[in-house]
Amino acid sequence: MDLALTGRVALVTGSSRGIGRAIALGLAAEGCRVTVTGRGRADVDDVVAEGTQLGGTLVGVDADLTTPEGVERALAETRRNHGAIDILVNNVGGSRGVPTWEATDADWDTVLDLNLLPAVRASRSVIPEMVARGRGSIVFISSIYGRESGGPVTYNAVKAAELATAKQLARQLAPKGVRVNSVAPGSILFPGGSWQRRIDTDAEAIRRFVASDMPMGRFGIPEEIANVVVFLCSDRASLVTGACVNVDGGQSRSNI
């Protein structure tokens, strides 16, 4: 299937490793002009080099997207190198701090700054140019623990907030030709990721977790998330807006 993405300009936040990296490479393989972002220059450059080999046109930005200045720099570099933004994938995120009710104000601030606020800032910036052209696609990378209870309380809350934000934006922007969706990954394994660290620490405990919680009997991989995201970014998903797509191998337990 030709996704007709050649020449589209895409910014993928948090794309120097893991899920974001796979999304950036997936878009590059479809001919997009992609901006790769991350805090480590070497990792960013590696993704740019690999995406270029796949036929994409990529630029790398090493920036701290937990700050307004970092988000603005990524946006500015994208526009300067590629032009107006057609696709925004809000992927940067993660969990930090105390995982229970004892989380401090600082823990809450950190997780908000790492997940929700970069997505809000980037979306707020690109929406006017998308509306002006009557087209655009924004995807929020949330989690199955945004759809149902699970994980650290701070992470659970901000991932749910991402889903709510995406849904509201989708309804507001549908008349303007701009689509907004979210994707809820399950447990995804990649080198250097949190699940790999847990395997390295206690492989037997993770084996039991997979047996009890993963109906397909395995972790997902970043490319399986990227395939869904790339489709959602394309005009082939022209009627899909306001959706949250689970990509979790049946791991989640919610009925909706």
Foldseek 3Di string as FASTA:
>chain_A
DQLPLALAQEEQEPQLDFLNLLLQLLSLLSHYEYEGEEQDPVSQVVSCVNSVVSPYHYDYDRFDLLDLVRLVVSVVVSCVVRNAHAEYEQEFADADDDQEPPGDPVRLSVRCSRAVPSLVSNCVVRVVVCLVVLAHEYEYEAALLLVDPDTRPSNSVRSVVSLVVQLVVQVVCVVSHYAGEYEHEYAEDDPPDPVVVVCVVPVVVVQVCLVVQAVVSDHHGSNQVSVVVSSRRGCVCVVDHSYYHYDYNPRRDDPD
